[in-house]
N, C-alpha and C. Protein backbone atom coordinates (compact mmCIF):
# COMPACT_ATOMS: atom_id res chain seq x y z
N UNK A 1 0.85 -1.18 0.00
CA UNK A 1 0.00 0.00 0.00
C UNK A 1 0.90 1.24 0.00
N UNK A 2 0.74 2.10 -0.95
CA UNK A 2 1.55 3.30 -1.05
C UNK A 2 0.98 4.40 -0.17
N UNK A 3 1.87 5.08 0.58
CA UNK A 3 1.43 6.19 1.41
C UNK A 3 0.75 5.76 2.69
N UNK A 4 0.71 4.48 2.99
CA UNK A 4 0.06 4.01 4.20
C UNK A 4 0.95 4.19 5.40
N UNK A 5 0.52 3.69 6.53
CA UNK A 5 1.29 3.84 7.76
C UNK A 5 2.62 3.10 7.73
N UNK A 6 2.72 2.06 6.90
CA UNK A 6 3.96 1.30 6.83
C UNK A 6 4.99 1.92 5.90
N UNK A 7 4.59 2.92 5.12
CA UNK A 7 5.54 3.53 4.20
C UNK A 7 6.49 4.44 4.98
N UNK A 8 7.74 4.58 4.53
CA UNK A 8 8.68 5.43 5.25
C UNK A 8 8.28 6.89 5.16
N UNK A 9 8.60 7.64 6.21
CA UNK A 9 8.34 9.07 6.21
C UNK A 9 9.34 9.72 5.28
N UNK A 10 8.85 10.55 4.37
CA UNK A 10 9.77 11.19 3.43
C UNK A 10 10.59 12.27 4.12
N UNK A 11 11.74 12.52 3.55
CA UNK A 11 12.61 13.57 4.09
C UNK A 11 12.00 14.93 3.77
N UNK A 12 12.33 15.91 4.55
CA UNK A 12 11.84 17.26 4.32
C UNK A 12 11.55 17.93 5.63
N UNK A 13 11.23 19.21 5.60
CA UNK A 13 10.95 19.93 6.84
C UNK A 13 9.61 19.51 7.43
N UNK A 14 9.37 19.92 8.65
CA UNK A 14 8.05 19.78 9.27
C UNK A 14 7.37 21.13 9.12
N UNK A 15 6.20 21.14 8.52
CA UNK A 15 5.44 22.36 8.28
C UNK A 15 4.36 22.47 9.35
N UNK A 16 4.39 23.56 10.13
CA UNK A 16 3.39 23.79 11.17
C UNK A 16 2.51 24.95 10.74
N UNK A 17 1.24 24.71 10.55
CA UNK A 17 0.30 25.77 10.22
C UNK A 17 -0.34 26.31 11.48
N UNK A 18 -0.16 27.61 11.73
CA UNK A 18 -0.70 28.23 12.94
C UNK A 18 -1.62 29.39 12.59
N UNK A 19 -2.58 29.65 13.49
CA UNK A 19 -3.53 30.73 13.25
C UNK A 19 -3.39 31.89 14.21
N UNK A 20 -2.42 31.84 15.12
CA UNK A 20 -2.24 32.91 16.08
C UNK A 20 -3.16 32.80 17.28
N UNK A 21 -3.94 31.72 17.37
CA UNK A 21 -4.85 31.52 18.48
C UNK A 21 -4.14 30.95 19.70
N UNK A 22 -4.91 30.65 20.71
CA UNK A 22 -4.36 30.15 21.97
C UNK A 22 -3.64 28.81 21.79
N UNK A 23 -3.97 28.05 20.78
CA UNK A 23 -3.33 26.76 20.55
C UNK A 23 -2.06 26.82 19.73
N UNK A 24 -1.66 28.01 19.30
CA UNK A 24 -0.47 28.14 18.46
C UNK A 24 0.76 27.54 19.12
N UNK A 25 0.97 27.85 20.39
CA UNK A 25 2.17 27.36 21.09
C UNK A 25 2.19 25.84 21.11
N UNK A 26 1.05 25.20 21.32
CA UNK A 26 1.01 23.74 21.37
C UNK A 26 1.31 23.13 20.00
N UNK A 27 0.80 23.73 18.93
CA UNK A 27 1.11 23.26 17.58
C UNK A 27 2.60 23.39 17.32
N UNK A 28 3.18 24.55 17.69
CA UNK A 28 4.61 24.78 17.47
C UNK A 28 5.45 23.79 18.27
N UNK A 29 5.11 23.58 19.55
CA UNK A 29 5.86 22.63 20.38
C UNK A 29 5.77 21.21 19.82
N UNK A 30 4.57 20.80 19.42
CA UNK A 30 4.40 19.45 18.86
C UNK A 30 5.17 19.28 17.56
N UNK A 31 5.11 20.29 16.71
CA UNK A 31 5.84 20.24 15.44
C UNK A 31 7.35 20.24 15.68
N UNK A 32 7.80 20.99 16.68
CA UNK A 32 9.23 21.04 17.00
C UNK A 32 9.73 19.68 17.49
N UNK A 33 8.93 19.01 18.33
CA UNK A 33 9.31 17.67 18.80
C UNK A 33 9.42 16.71 17.62
N UNK A 34 8.47 16.79 16.70
CA UNK A 34 8.49 15.93 15.52
C UNK A 34 9.70 16.25 14.65
N UNK A 35 9.98 17.53 14.45
CA UNK A 35 11.13 17.94 13.64
C UNK A 35 12.43 17.49 14.28
N UNK A 36 12.54 17.64 15.60
CA UNK A 36 13.76 17.22 16.29
C UNK A 36 13.96 15.71 16.16
N UNK A 37 12.90 14.95 16.29
CA UNK A 37 13.03 13.49 16.19
C UNK A 37 13.40 13.05 14.78
N UNK A 38 13.03 13.86 13.79
CA UNK A 38 13.34 13.53 12.39
C UNK A 38 14.62 14.21 11.91
N UNK A 39 15.20 15.07 12.75
CA UNK A 39 16.38 15.82 12.33
C UNK A 39 16.06 16.78 11.20
N UNK A 40 14.87 17.39 11.25
CA UNK A 40 14.39 18.24 10.16
C UNK A 40 14.23 19.68 10.63
N UNK A 41 14.18 20.57 9.66
CA UNK A 41 13.90 21.99 9.93
C UNK A 41 12.41 22.13 10.24
N UNK A 42 12.08 23.10 11.08
CA UNK A 42 10.70 23.45 11.38
C UNK A 42 10.35 24.71 10.61
N UNK A 43 9.29 24.65 9.81
CA UNK A 43 8.79 25.82 9.09
C UNK A 43 7.40 26.12 9.65
N UNK A 44 7.27 27.28 10.28
CA UNK A 44 6.00 27.71 10.85
C UNK A 44 5.33 28.63 9.84
N UNK A 45 4.11 28.29 9.46
CA UNK A 45 3.39 29.06 8.44
C UNK A 45 2.12 29.65 9.03
N UNK A 46 1.89 30.91 8.69
CA UNK A 46 0.65 31.58 9.07
C UNK A 46 0.01 32.13 7.79
N UNK A 47 -1.27 31.84 7.62
CA UNK A 47 -1.99 32.33 6.45
C UNK A 47 -2.99 33.39 6.91
N UNK A 48 -2.85 34.58 6.37
CA UNK A 48 -3.81 35.65 6.64
C UNK A 48 -5.01 35.38 5.75
N UNK A 49 -6.16 35.15 6.37
CA UNK A 49 -7.37 34.82 5.64
C UNK A 49 -7.87 36.05 4.88
N UNK A 50 -8.22 35.85 3.61
CA UNK A 50 -8.73 36.96 2.80
C UNK A 50 -10.14 36.66 2.34
N UNK A 51 -10.82 37.72 1.97
CA UNK A 51 -12.14 37.59 1.36
C UNK A 51 -12.08 38.30 0.02
N UNK A 52 -13.05 38.07 -0.81
CA UNK A 52 -13.09 38.71 -2.12
C UNK A 52 -13.86 40.02 -2.10
N UNK A 53 -14.19 40.52 -0.90
CA UNK A 53 -15.02 41.72 -0.81
C UNK A 53 -14.22 43.01 -0.90
N UNK A 54 -12.90 42.93 -0.96
CA UNK A 54 -12.07 44.14 -0.99
C UNK A 54 -11.70 44.51 -2.42
N UNK A 55 -11.56 45.80 -2.66
CA UNK A 55 -11.02 46.26 -3.93
C UNK A 55 -9.55 45.87 -3.98
N UNK A 56 -9.01 45.54 -5.15
CA UNK A 56 -7.61 45.09 -5.22
C UNK A 56 -6.61 46.07 -4.63
N UNK A 57 -6.82 47.38 -4.82
CA UNK A 57 -5.87 48.36 -4.30
C UNK A 57 -5.86 48.36 -2.78
N UNK A 58 -7.03 48.33 -2.18
CA UNK A 58 -7.14 48.30 -0.72
C UNK A 58 -6.66 46.96 -0.20
N UNK A 59 -6.99 45.90 -0.90
CA UNK A 59 -6.59 44.56 -0.47
C UNK A 59 -5.07 44.44 -0.38
N UNK A 60 -4.34 44.97 -1.34
CA UNK A 60 -2.88 44.87 -1.33
C UNK A 60 -2.30 45.58 -0.11
N UNK A 61 -2.84 46.75 0.23
CA UNK A 61 -2.36 47.47 1.41
C UNK A 61 -2.70 46.71 2.68
N UNK A 62 -3.94 46.23 2.77
CA UNK A 62 -4.37 45.49 3.95
C UNK A 62 -3.57 44.21 4.14
N UNK A 63 -3.29 43.50 3.05
CA UNK A 63 -2.58 42.22 3.16
C UNK A 63 -1.15 42.43 3.63
N UNK A 64 -0.49 43.45 3.13
CA UNK A 64 0.87 43.72 3.57
C UNK A 64 0.88 44.06 5.06
N UNK A 65 -0.06 44.87 5.50
CA UNK A 65 -0.16 45.22 6.91
C UNK A 65 -0.51 44.00 7.74
N UNK A 66 -1.45 43.20 7.27
CA UNK A 66 -1.88 42.02 8.01
C UNK A 66 -0.74 41.01 8.16
N UNK A 67 0.05 40.82 7.10
CA UNK A 67 1.19 39.89 7.19
C UNK A 67 2.24 40.41 8.16
N UNK A 68 2.52 41.71 8.12
CA UNK A 68 3.48 42.31 9.06
C UNK A 68 2.98 42.17 10.50
N UNK A 69 1.70 42.45 10.71
CA UNK A 69 1.11 42.32 12.05
C UNK A 69 1.19 40.88 12.53
N UNK A 70 0.92 39.94 11.63
CA UNK A 70 0.96 38.52 12.01
C UNK A 70 2.36 38.12 12.42
N UNK A 71 3.36 38.55 11.66
CA UNK A 71 4.75 38.23 12.02
C UNK A 71 5.15 38.85 13.35
N UNK A 72 4.75 40.10 13.56
CA UNK A 72 5.09 40.79 14.80
C UNK A 72 4.50 40.08 16.01
N UNK A 73 3.32 39.52 15.85
CA UNK A 73 2.67 38.81 16.96
C UNK A 73 3.17 37.38 17.10
N UNK A 74 3.45 36.71 15.99
CA UNK A 74 3.81 35.30 16.04
C UNK A 74 5.24 35.01 16.46
N UNK A 75 6.18 35.81 16.01
CA UNK A 75 7.59 35.49 16.27
C UNK A 75 7.88 35.41 17.78
N UNK A 76 7.43 36.38 18.59
CA UNK A 76 7.67 36.23 20.03
C UNK A 76 6.98 34.99 20.62
N UNK A 77 5.78 34.70 20.15
CA UNK A 77 5.06 33.53 20.65
C UNK A 77 5.79 32.24 20.28
N UNK A 78 6.33 32.18 19.08
CA UNK A 78 7.09 31.00 18.65
C UNK A 78 8.36 30.87 19.49
N UNK A 79 9.05 31.98 19.71
CA UNK A 79 10.27 31.96 20.53
C UNK A 79 9.98 31.42 21.93
N UNK A 80 8.90 31.87 22.53
CA UNK A 80 8.52 31.40 23.87
C UNK A 80 8.20 29.91 23.83
N UNK A 81 7.45 29.47 22.81
CA UNK A 81 7.09 28.06 22.70
C UNK A 81 8.31 27.16 22.53
N UNK A 82 9.37 27.70 21.94
CA UNK A 82 10.56 26.90 21.65
C UNK A 82 11.68 27.08 22.67
N UNK A 83 11.40 27.75 23.79
CA UNK A 83 12.41 27.91 24.84
C UNK A 83 12.87 26.52 25.29
N UNK A 84 14.17 26.37 25.39
CA UNK A 84 14.74 25.10 25.84
C UNK A 84 15.02 24.12 24.72
N UNK A 85 14.74 24.51 23.49
CA UNK A 85 15.05 23.63 22.35
C UNK A 85 16.13 24.29 21.51
N UNK A 86 16.78 23.49 20.73
CA UNK A 86 17.77 24.01 19.78
C UNK A 86 17.27 23.79 18.36
N UNK A 87 15.96 23.69 18.22
CA UNK A 87 15.35 23.37 16.94
C UNK A 87 15.49 24.53 15.95
N UNK A 88 16.12 24.30 14.77
CA UNK A 88 16.15 25.36 13.76
C UNK A 88 14.74 25.58 13.19
N UNK A 89 14.38 26.85 13.00
CA UNK A 89 13.04 27.15 12.50
C UNK A 89 13.05 28.46 11.72
N UNK A 90 11.99 28.62 10.95
CA UNK A 90 11.75 29.88 10.23
C UNK A 90 10.25 30.05 10.07
N UNK A 91 9.84 31.27 9.79
CA UNK A 91 8.42 31.60 9.64
C UNK A 91 8.16 32.05 8.22
N UNK A 92 7.05 31.61 7.67
CA UNK A 92 6.59 32.08 6.37
C UNK A 92 5.13 32.52 6.51
N UNK A 93 4.74 33.48 5.70
CA UNK A 93 3.35 33.92 5.70
C UNK A 93 2.80 33.84 4.28
N UNK A 94 1.50 33.75 4.21
CA UNK A 94 0.80 33.74 2.93
C UNK A 94 -0.56 34.38 3.16
N UNK A 95 -1.28 34.65 2.09
CA UNK A 95 -2.63 35.20 2.20
C UNK A 95 -3.57 34.35 1.37
N UNK A 96 -4.79 34.23 1.85
CA UNK A 96 -5.80 33.47 1.14
C UNK A 96 -6.54 32.53 2.06
N UNK A 97 -7.00 31.42 1.50
CA UNK A 97 -7.68 30.39 2.26
C UNK A 97 -6.61 29.54 2.95
N UNK A 98 -6.65 29.38 4.28
CA UNK A 98 -5.58 28.66 4.97
C UNK A 98 -5.32 27.25 4.45
N UNK A 99 -6.35 26.48 4.20
CA UNK A 99 -6.16 25.11 3.72
C UNK A 99 -5.50 25.07 2.35
N UNK A 100 -5.94 25.93 1.46
CA UNK A 100 -5.39 25.97 0.11
C UNK A 100 -3.96 26.49 0.12
N UNK A 101 -3.71 27.56 0.89
CA UNK A 101 -2.37 28.14 0.91
C UNK A 101 -1.36 27.23 1.60
N UNK A 102 -1.77 26.54 2.66
CA UNK A 102 -0.85 25.57 3.29
C UNK A 102 -0.54 24.43 2.32
N UNK A 103 -1.53 24.00 1.55
CA UNK A 103 -1.29 22.94 0.56
C UNK A 103 -0.32 23.43 -0.52
N UNK A 104 -0.48 24.67 -0.96
CA UNK A 104 0.46 25.23 -1.96
C UNK A 104 1.88 25.32 -1.40
N UNK A 105 1.98 25.76 -0.17
CA UNK A 105 3.28 25.85 0.48
C UNK A 105 3.90 24.45 0.60
N UNK A 106 3.09 23.48 0.93
CA UNK A 106 3.58 22.11 1.05
C UNK A 106 4.05 21.56 -0.30
N UNK A 107 3.41 21.97 -1.38
CA UNK A 107 3.85 21.54 -2.70
C UNK A 107 5.26 22.07 -3.01
N UNK A 108 5.57 23.26 -2.51
CA UNK A 108 6.91 23.83 -2.73
C UNK A 108 7.96 23.26 -1.80
N UNK A 109 7.57 23.00 -0.53
CA UNK A 109 8.53 22.56 0.48
C UNK A 109 8.74 21.05 0.54
N UNK A 110 7.75 20.29 0.09
CA UNK A 110 7.78 18.82 0.20
C UNK A 110 8.05 18.39 1.63
N UNK A 111 7.17 18.76 2.57
CA UNK A 111 7.43 18.45 3.97
C UNK A 111 7.26 16.97 4.28
N UNK A 112 7.94 16.54 5.34
CA UNK A 112 7.75 15.17 5.83
C UNK A 112 6.37 15.05 6.46
N UNK A 113 5.90 16.13 7.09
CA UNK A 113 4.58 16.14 7.72
C UNK A 113 4.10 17.58 7.86
N UNK A 114 2.79 17.72 7.98
CA UNK A 114 2.16 19.01 8.21
C UNK A 114 1.44 18.90 9.56
N UNK A 115 1.71 19.84 10.45
CA UNK A 115 1.10 19.83 11.78
C UNK A 115 0.17 21.03 11.88
N UNK A 116 -1.10 20.78 12.22
CA UNK A 116 -2.09 21.85 12.38
C UNK A 116 -2.93 21.56 13.62
N UNK A 117 -3.60 22.59 14.10
CA UNK A 117 -4.52 22.41 15.21
C UNK A 117 -5.88 21.98 14.71
N UNK A 118 -6.59 21.26 15.57
CA UNK A 118 -7.97 20.90 15.24
C UNK A 118 -8.80 22.17 15.23
N UNK A 119 -9.81 22.19 14.40
CA UNK A 119 -10.65 23.39 14.32
C UNK A 119 -11.39 23.59 15.63
N UNK A 120 -11.69 24.83 15.92
CA UNK A 120 -12.39 25.16 17.16
C UNK A 120 -13.82 24.64 17.13
N UNK A 121 -14.40 24.55 18.32
CA UNK A 121 -15.78 24.07 18.42
C UNK A 121 -16.71 25.27 18.52
N UNK A 122 -17.97 25.02 18.52
CA UNK A 122 -18.96 26.08 18.64
C UNK A 122 -19.69 26.32 17.32
N UNK A 123 -20.79 27.00 17.42
CA UNK A 123 -21.64 27.16 16.24
C UNK A 123 -21.02 28.07 15.20
N UNK A 124 -20.26 29.10 15.60
CA UNK A 124 -19.61 29.96 14.60
C UNK A 124 -18.56 29.18 13.81
N UNK A 125 -17.82 28.34 14.50
CA UNK A 125 -16.81 27.52 13.81
C UNK A 125 -17.49 26.54 12.85
N UNK A 126 -18.61 25.96 13.27
CA UNK A 126 -19.33 25.04 12.38
C UNK A 126 -19.85 25.78 11.15
N UNK A 127 -20.31 27.00 11.35
CA UNK A 127 -20.80 27.80 10.23
C UNK A 127 -19.67 28.09 9.25
N UNK A 128 -18.50 28.50 9.78
CA UNK A 128 -17.34 28.78 8.92
C UNK A 128 -16.90 27.52 8.18
N UNK A 129 -16.87 26.38 8.89
CA UNK A 129 -16.49 25.13 8.24
C UNK A 129 -17.48 24.76 7.14
N UNK A 130 -18.75 25.16 7.32
CA UNK A 130 -19.75 24.88 6.29
C UNK A 130 -19.43 25.59 4.99
N UNK A 131 -18.81 26.77 5.08
CA UNK A 131 -18.44 27.51 3.88
C UNK A 131 -17.08 27.10 3.34
N UNK A 132 -16.09 27.03 4.20
CA UNK A 132 -14.71 26.78 3.76
C UNK A 132 -14.23 25.36 3.99
N UNK A 133 -14.82 24.66 4.94
CA UNK A 133 -14.29 23.37 5.35
C UNK A 133 -13.16 23.59 6.34
N UNK A 134 -12.87 22.59 7.15
CA UNK A 134 -11.79 22.76 8.12
C UNK A 134 -10.45 22.64 7.41
N UNK A 135 -9.44 23.25 7.98
CA UNK A 135 -8.09 23.21 7.40
C UNK A 135 -7.59 21.76 7.34
N UNK A 136 -7.70 20.97 8.43
CA UNK A 136 -7.24 19.57 8.32
C UNK A 136 -7.96 18.80 7.20
N UNK A 137 -9.26 19.02 7.06
CA UNK A 137 -10.00 18.32 6.00
C UNK A 137 -9.55 18.77 4.61
N UNK A 138 -9.33 20.07 4.44
CA UNK A 138 -8.85 20.57 3.15
C UNK A 138 -7.48 19.98 2.82
N UNK A 139 -6.59 19.94 3.81
CA UNK A 139 -5.26 19.38 3.58
C UNK A 139 -5.32 17.91 3.23
N UNK A 140 -6.21 17.18 3.90
CA UNK A 140 -6.28 15.74 3.64
C UNK A 140 -6.70 15.44 2.20
N UNK A 141 -7.42 16.36 1.59
CA UNK A 141 -7.83 16.17 0.19
C UNK A 141 -6.77 16.63 -0.80
N UNK A 142 -5.83 17.47 -0.36
CA UNK A 142 -4.88 18.09 -1.29
C UNK A 142 -3.44 17.64 -1.09
N UNK A 143 -3.14 16.84 -0.08
CA UNK A 143 -1.76 16.56 0.26
C UNK A 143 -1.43 15.08 0.30
N UNK A 144 -0.18 14.78 0.00
CA UNK A 144 0.31 13.42 0.18
C UNK A 144 1.20 13.32 1.41
N UNK A 145 1.60 14.48 1.98
CA UNK A 145 2.38 14.47 3.22
C UNK A 145 1.49 14.01 4.36
N UNK A 146 2.11 13.44 5.38
CA UNK A 146 1.36 13.06 6.57
C UNK A 146 0.84 14.32 7.24
N UNK A 147 -0.37 14.24 7.79
CA UNK A 147 -1.00 15.38 8.44
C UNK A 147 -1.22 15.00 9.91
N UNK A 148 -0.69 15.82 10.80
CA UNK A 148 -0.83 15.61 12.23
C UNK A 148 -1.75 16.71 12.76
N UNK A 149 -2.86 16.31 13.39
CA UNK A 149 -3.82 17.27 13.91
C UNK A 149 -3.72 17.27 15.44
N UNK A 150 -3.46 18.43 16.01
CA UNK A 150 -3.32 18.58 17.45
C UNK A 150 -4.69 18.97 18.02
N UNK A 151 -5.31 18.12 18.82
CA UNK A 151 -6.66 18.42 19.34
C UNK A 151 -6.67 19.68 20.20
N UNK A 152 -7.71 20.47 20.03
CA UNK A 152 -7.90 21.65 20.85
C UNK A 152 -6.90 22.76 20.63
N UNK A 153 -6.15 22.73 19.55
CA UNK A 153 -5.10 23.73 19.36
C UNK A 153 -5.51 24.88 18.45
N UNK A 154 -6.74 25.00 18.11
CA UNK A 154 -7.22 26.14 17.32
C UNK A 154 -8.42 26.70 18.06
N UNK A 155 -8.22 27.75 18.82
CA UNK A 155 -9.29 28.18 19.70
C UNK A 155 -9.72 29.63 19.53
N UNK A 156 -9.13 30.34 18.58
CA UNK A 156 -9.49 31.74 18.38
C UNK A 156 -9.95 31.93 16.95
N UNK A 157 -11.04 32.66 16.73
CA UNK A 157 -11.45 32.93 15.35
C UNK A 157 -10.34 33.62 14.60
N UNK A 158 -10.19 33.27 13.35
CA UNK A 158 -9.16 33.88 12.52
C UNK A 158 -9.56 35.29 12.14
N UNK A 159 -8.60 36.20 12.14
CA UNK A 159 -8.82 37.58 11.73
C UNK A 159 -8.56 37.67 10.24
N UNK A 160 -9.50 38.21 9.51
CA UNK A 160 -9.33 38.33 8.07
C UNK A 160 -8.67 39.65 7.73
N UNK A 161 -8.08 39.72 6.55
CA UNK A 161 -7.36 40.92 6.13
C UNK A 161 -8.28 42.13 6.03
N UNK A 162 -9.56 41.92 5.72
CA UNK A 162 -10.45 43.07 5.59
C UNK A 162 -10.88 43.61 6.96
N UNK A 163 -10.47 42.96 8.06
CA UNK A 163 -10.75 43.48 9.39
C UNK A 163 -9.63 44.39 9.88
N UNK A 164 -8.58 44.50 9.10
CA UNK A 164 -7.46 45.38 9.45
C UNK A 164 -7.77 46.75 8.87
N UNK A 165 -7.51 47.79 9.66
CA UNK A 165 -7.73 49.15 9.17
C UNK A 165 -6.87 49.40 7.93
N UNK A 166 -7.47 49.96 6.88
CA UNK A 166 -6.68 50.22 5.68
C UNK A 166 -5.57 51.24 5.95
N UNK A 167 -4.47 51.07 5.25
CA UNK A 167 -3.34 51.99 5.37
C UNK A 167 -3.63 53.17 4.46
N UNK A 168 -3.59 54.35 5.03
CA UNK A 168 -3.84 55.56 4.24
C UNK A 168 -2.51 56.26 4.01
N UNK A 169 -2.09 56.38 2.73
CA UNK A 169 -0.79 57.04 2.46
C UNK A 169 -0.83 58.51 2.79
């Protein structure tokens, strides 16, 4: 059986998809343990969720600001989560649908595994999943890399780029 549990884990980095929520640290720690055990680099990815309701000119300004804001918030959190480890890591950002963008990133990186948090519970999360589907489910349909889902690690609604105040030159 190809790609089953008995197949060897392919070489490559460990890709951790984080949303900046309360479970981000747990996803990063779990991915770091996996990367350390595999002797692999840890790549932490954050996708700024976008909608099609913005004009392209405003969207470009908002996305640049949103990505900068995400990095400013995530890097200290990642550093704290990785205290006591010597795990090499880097952060990448993207914009769009998190499941689709993480799959695209995985196509470029060829990771050994993708680590994400389980989607949050509650009726708002179920409504969002009804439109977009959960990130783990989207990845399972688009990826051949192993997908590791950390229970309870996605607990904050994602902030979309159109919720960021536009930059006025």
